[in-house]
Amino acid sequence: KTVKKVLLHNASLRWEVPADLVKILPGQTVQSVRRRSKYLLIDFKYGTLIIHL
């Protein structure tokens, strides 16, 4: 699957979300999706996106 669009609703979280994330992720291909405890890890070619469930 390929990321088509990124919506960032709140950038001021515990760790600051990189401002360029909205520009970097679209077009990237998802390599794998896995779960670790309360986190969803989405692996891309050059890094991993971590989402708290």
PDB file of N, CA and C in Angstrom:
ATOM      1  N   LYS A   1       0.845  -1.187   0.000  1.00  0.00           N
ATOM      2  CA  LYS A   1       0.000   0.000   0.000  1.00  0.00           C
ATOM      3  C   LYS A   1       0.885   1.243   0.000  1.00  0.00           C
ATOM      4  N   THR A   2       0.345   2.293  -0.562  1.00  0.00           N
ATOM      5  CA  THR A   2       1.065   3.560  -0.639  1.00  0.00           C
ATOM      6  C   THR A   2       0.271   4.641   0.087  1.00  0.00           C
ATOM      7  N   VAL A   3       0.967   5.492   0.827  1.00  0.00           N
ATOM      8  CA  VAL A   3       0.330   6.599   1.540  1.00  0.00           C
ATOM      9  C   VAL A   3      -0.097   7.639   0.508  1.00  0.00           C
ATOM     10  N   LYS A   4      -1.375   8.015   0.552  1.00  0.00           N
ATOM     11  CA  LYS A   4      -1.885   9.004  -0.395  1.00  0.00           C
ATOM     12  C   LYS A   4      -1.933  10.398   0.204  1.00  0.00           C
ATOM     13  N   LYS A   5      -2.310  10.479   1.498  1.00  0.00           N
ATOM     14  CA  LYS A   5      -2.521  11.780   2.117  1.00  0.00           C
ATOM     15  C   LYS A   5      -2.277  11.665   3.620  1.00  0.00           C
ATOM     16  N   VAL A   6      -1.755  12.723   4.223  1.00  0.00           N
ATOM     17  CA  VAL A   6      -1.516  12.749   5.668  1.00  0.00           C
ATOM     18  C   VAL A   6      -2.251  13.948   6.257  1.00  0.00           C
ATOM     19  N   LEU A   7      -3.057  13.694   7.277  1.00  0.00           N
ATOM     20  CA  LEU A   7      -3.748  14.761   7.999  1.00  0.00           C
ATOM     21  C   LEU A   7      -3.167  14.837   9.400  1.00  0.00           C
ATOM     22  N   LEU A   8      -2.683  15.995   9.776  1.00  0.00           N
ATOM     23  CA  LEU A   8      -2.105  16.202  11.099  1.00  0.00           C
ATOM     24  C   LEU A   8      -3.012  17.156  11.860  1.00  0.00           C
ATOM     25  N   HIS A   9      -3.698  16.630  12.885  1.00  0.00           N
ATOM     26  CA  HIS A   9      -4.672  17.426  13.619  1.00  0.00           C
ATOM     27  C   HIS A   9      -4.067  18.183  14.797  1.00  0.00           C
ATOM     28  N   ASN A  10      -3.053  17.598  15.445  1.00  0.00           N
ATOM     29  CA  ASN A  10      -2.477  18.228  16.630  1.00  0.00           C
ATOM     30  C   ASN A  10      -0.983  17.933  16.672  1.00  0.00           C
ATOM     31  N   ALA A  11      -0.177  18.903  16.317  1.00  0.00           N
ATOM     32  CA  ALA A  11       1.273  18.697  16.261  1.00  0.00           C
ATOM     33  C   ALA A  11       1.939  18.848  17.628  1.00  0.00           C
ATOM     34  N   SER A  12       1.233  19.392  18.615  1.00  0.00           N
ATOM     35  CA  SER A  12       1.833  19.622  19.933  1.00  0.00           C
ATOM     36  C   SER A  12       1.502  18.474  20.880  1.00  0.00           C
ATOM     37  N   LEU A  13       2.159  17.359  20.670  1.00  0.00           N
ATOM     38  CA  LEU A  13       1.971  16.182  21.505  1.00  0.00           C
ATOM     39  C   LEU A  13       3.148  16.052  22.467  1.00  0.00           C
ATOM     40  N   ARG A  14       3.252  14.932  23.146  1.00  0.00           N
ATOM     41  CA  ARG A  14       4.364  14.714  24.072  1.00  0.00           C
ATOM     42  C   ARG A  14       5.703  14.900  23.358  1.00  0.00           C
ATOM     43  N   TRP A  15       5.815  14.299  22.167  1.00  0.00           N
ATOM     44  CA  TRP A  15       6.980  14.519  21.312  1.00  0.00           C
ATOM     45  C   TRP A  15       6.492  15.288  20.107  1.00  0.00           C
ATOM     46  N   GLU A  16       7.199  16.324  19.758  1.00  0.00           N
ATOM     47  CA  GLU A  16       6.783  17.160  18.640  1.00  0.00           C
ATOM     48  C   GLU A  16       6.817  16.384  17.324  1.00  0.00           C
ATOM     49  N   VAL A  17       5.767  16.527  16.557  1.00  0.00           N
ATOM     50  CA  VAL A  17       5.674  15.873  15.250  1.00  0.00           C
ATOM     51  C   VAL A  17       6.455  16.716  14.245  1.00  0.00           C
ATOM     52  N   PRO A  18       7.355  16.110  13.475  1.00  0.00           N
ATOM     53  CA  PRO A  18       8.128  16.881  12.496  1.00  0.00           C
ATOM     54  C   PRO A  18       7.205  17.611  11.516  1.00  0.00           C
ATOM     55  N   ALA A  19       7.488  18.878  11.280  1.00  0.00           N
ATOM     56  CA  ALA A  19       6.649  19.696  10.407  1.00  0.00           C
ATOM     57  C   ALA A  19       6.604  19.162   8.984  1.00  0.00           C
ATOM     58  N   ASP A  20       7.685  18.532   8.546  1.00  0.00           N
ATOM     59  CA  ASP A  20       7.741  18.055   7.163  1.00  0.00           C
ATOM     60  C   ASP A  20       7.145  16.656   6.979  1.00  0.00           C
ATOM     61  N   LEU A  21       6.584  16.070   8.023  1.00  0.00           N
ATOM     62  CA  LEU A  21       5.993  14.728   7.933  1.00  0.00           C
ATOM     63  C   LEU A  21       4.877  14.675   6.887  1.00  0.00           C
ATOM     64  N   VAL A  22       4.085  15.738   6.825  1.00  0.00           N
ATOM     65  CA  VAL A  22       2.973  15.801   5.874  1.00  0.00           C
ATOM     66  C   VAL A  22       3.489  15.800   4.433  1.00  0.00           C
ATOM     67  N   LYS A  23       4.701  16.300   4.226  1.00  0.00           N
ATOM     68  CA  LYS A  23       5.294  16.335   2.884  1.00  0.00           C
ATOM     69  C   LYS A  23       6.066  15.058   2.561  1.00  0.00           C
ATOM     70  N   ILE A  24       6.641  14.421   3.583  1.00  0.00           N
ATOM     71  CA  ILE A  24       7.502  13.246   3.378  1.00  0.00           C
ATOM     72  C   ILE A  24       6.696  11.968   3.139  1.00  0.00           C
ATOM     73  N   LEU A  25       5.637  11.736   3.920  1.00  0.00           N
ATOM     74  CA  LEU A  25       4.924  10.454   3.872  1.00  0.00           C
ATOM     75  C   LEU A  25       4.122  10.163   2.599  1.00  0.00           C
ATOM     76  N   PRO A  26       3.414  11.139   2.031  1.00  0.00           N
ATOM     77  CA  PRO A  26       2.673  10.805   0.807  1.00  0.00           C
ATOM     78  C   PRO A  26       3.600  10.259  -0.280  1.00  0.00           C
ATOM     79  N   GLY A  27       3.168   9.157  -0.881  1.00  0.00           N
ATOM     80  CA  GLY A  27       3.970   8.514  -1.916  1.00  0.00           C
ATOM     81  C   GLY A  27       4.849   7.394  -1.395  1.00  0.00           C
ATOM     82  N   GLN A  28       5.013   7.309  -0.067  1.00  0.00           N
ATOM     83  CA  GLN A  28       5.835   6.257   0.524  1.00  0.00           C
ATOM     84  C   GLN A  28       5.068   4.936   0.546  1.00  0.00           C
ATOM     85  N   THR A  29       5.777   3.853   0.332  1.00  0.00           N
ATOM     86  CA  THR A  29       5.174   2.524   0.338  1.00  0.00           C
ATOM     87  C   THR A  29       5.342   1.876   1.706  1.00  0.00           C
ATOM     88  N   VAL A  30       4.259   1.315   2.236  1.00  0.00           N
ATOM     89  CA  VAL A  30       4.287   0.625   3.523  1.00  0.00           C
ATOM     90  C   VAL A  30       4.955  -0.735   3.328  1.00  0.00           C
ATOM     91  N   GLN A  31       6.016  -0.991   4.098  1.00  0.00           N
ATOM     92  CA  GLN A  31       6.735  -2.259   4.026  1.00  0.00           C
ATOM     93  C   GLN A  31       6.067  -3.317   4.905  1.00  0.00           C
ATOM     94  N   SER A  32       5.651  -2.900   6.116  1.00  0.00           N
ATOM     95  CA  SER A  32       4.967  -3.813   7.030  1.00  0.00           C
ATOM     96  C   SER A  32       4.239  -3.010   8.101  1.00  0.00           C
ATOM     97  N   VAL A  33       3.266  -3.661   8.724  1.00  0.00           N
ATOM     98  CA  VAL A  33       2.524  -3.073   9.839  1.00  0.00           C
ATOM     99  C   VAL A  33       2.555  -4.094  10.958  1.00  0.00           C
ATOM    100  N   ARG A  34       2.913  -3.633  12.151  1.00  0.00           N
ATOM    101  CA  ARG A  34       2.976  -4.544  13.294  1.00  0.00           C
ATOM    102  C   ARG A  34       2.506  -3.820  14.541  1.00  0.00           C
ATOM    103  N   ARG A  35       2.219  -4.606  15.557  1.00  0.00           N
ATOM    104  CA  ARG A  35       1.765  -4.044  16.817  1.00  0.00           C
ATOM    105  C   ARG A  35       2.739  -4.422  17.913  1.00  0.00           C
ATOM    106  N   ARG A  36       3.051  -3.469  18.756  1.00  0.00           N
ATOM    107  CA  ARG A  36       3.909  -3.692  19.918  1.00  0.00           C
ATOM    108  C   ARG A  36       3.231  -3.020  21.100  1.00  0.00           C
ATOM    109  N   SER A  37       2.621  -3.843  21.955  1.00  0.00           N
ATOM    110  CA  SER A  37       1.912  -3.340  23.124  1.00  0.00           C
ATOM    111  C   SER A  37       0.804  -2.373  22.690  1.00  0.00           C
ATOM    112  N   LYS A  38       0.871  -1.113  23.127  1.00  0.00           N
ATOM    113  CA  LYS A  38      -0.162  -0.130  22.799  1.00  0.00           C
ATOM    114  C   LYS A  38       0.180   0.685  21.554  1.00  0.00           C
ATOM    115  N   TYR A  39       1.134   0.223  20.772  1.00  0.00           N
ATOM    116  CA  TYR A  39       1.600   0.990  19.623  1.00  0.00           C
ATOM    117  C   TYR A  39       1.441   0.226  18.319  1.00  0.00           C
ATOM    118  N   LEU A  40       1.081   0.936  17.286  1.00  0.00           N
ATOM    119  CA  LEU A  40       1.040   0.411  15.936  1.00  0.00           C
ATOM    120  C   LEU A  40       2.285   0.943  15.238  1.00  0.00           C
ATOM    121  N   LEU A  41       3.089   0.059  14.687  1.00  0.00           N
ATOM    122  CA  LEU A  41       4.324   0.454  14.010  1.00  0.00           C
ATOM    123  C   LEU A  41       4.167   0.211  12.514  1.00  0.00           C
ATOM    124  N   ILE A  42       4.317   1.266  11.748  1.00  0.00           N
ATOM    125  CA  ILE A  42       4.196   1.176  10.296  1.00  0.00           C
ATOM    126  C   ILE A  42       5.582   1.419   9.717  1.00  0.00           C
ATOM    127  N   ASP A  43       6.132   0.379   9.109  1.00  0.00           N
ATOM    128  CA  ASP A  43       7.491   0.445   8.575  1.00  0.00           C
ATOM    129  C   ASP A  43       7.489   0.901   7.127  1.00  0.00           C
ATOM    130  N   PHE A  44       8.367   1.863   6.855  1.00  0.00           N
ATOM    131  CA  PHE A  44       8.605   2.352   5.507  1.00  0.00           C
ATOM    132  C   PHE A  44      10.057   2.039   5.163  1.00  0.00           C
ATOM    133  N   LYS A  45      10.459   2.318   3.953  1.00  0.00           N
ATOM    134  CA  LYS A  45      11.820   2.001   3.521  1.00  0.00           C
ATOM    135  C   LYS A  45      12.870   2.710   4.389  1.00  0.00           C
ATOM    136  N   TYR A  46      12.596   3.952   4.783  1.00  0.00           N
ATOM    137  CA  TYR A  46      13.604   4.737   5.497  1.00  0.00           C
ATOM    138  C   TYR A  46      13.240   5.064   6.941  1.00  0.00           C
ATOM    139  N   GLY A  47      12.273   4.358   7.522  1.00  0.00           N
ATOM    140  CA  GLY A  47      11.936   4.639   8.906  1.00  0.00           C
ATOM    141  C   GLY A  47      10.624   3.998   9.320  1.00  0.00           C
ATOM    142  N   THR A  48      10.239   4.250  10.564  1.00  0.00           N
ATOM    143  CA  THR A  48       9.030   3.658  11.139  1.00  0.00           C
ATOM    144  C   THR A  48       8.167   4.749  11.752  1.00  0.00           C
ATOM    145  N   LEU A  49       6.879   4.704  11.451  1.00  0.00           N
ATOM    146  CA  LEU A  49       5.907   5.609  12.040  1.00  0.00           C
ATOM    147  C   LEU A  49       5.276   4.882  13.221  1.00  0.00           C
ATOM    148  N   ILE A  50       5.246   5.534  14.394  1.00  0.00           N
ATOM    149  CA  ILE A  50       4.686   4.933  15.603  1.00  0.00           C
ATOM    150  C   ILE A  50       3.386   5.655  15.945  1.00  0.00           C
ATOM    151  N   ILE A  51       2.314   4.871  16.113  1.00  0.00           N
ATOM    152  CA  ILE A  51       1.005   5.429  16.443  1.00  0.00           C
ATOM    153  C   ILE A  51       0.516   4.787  17.734  1.00  0.00           C
ATOM    154  N   HIS A  52       0.157   5.624  18.706  1.00  0.00           N
ATOM    155  CA  HIS A  52      -0.380   5.125  19.969  1.00  0.00           C
ATOM    156  C   HIS A  52      -1.843   4.756  19.777  1.00  0.00           C
ATOM    157  N   LEU A  53      -2.209   3.563  20.241  1.00  0.00           N
ATOM    158  CA  LEU A  53      -3.597   3.107  20.061  1.00  0.00           C
ATOM    159  C   LEU A  53      -4.523   3.650  21.105  1.00  0.00           C
TER     160      LEU A  53
END
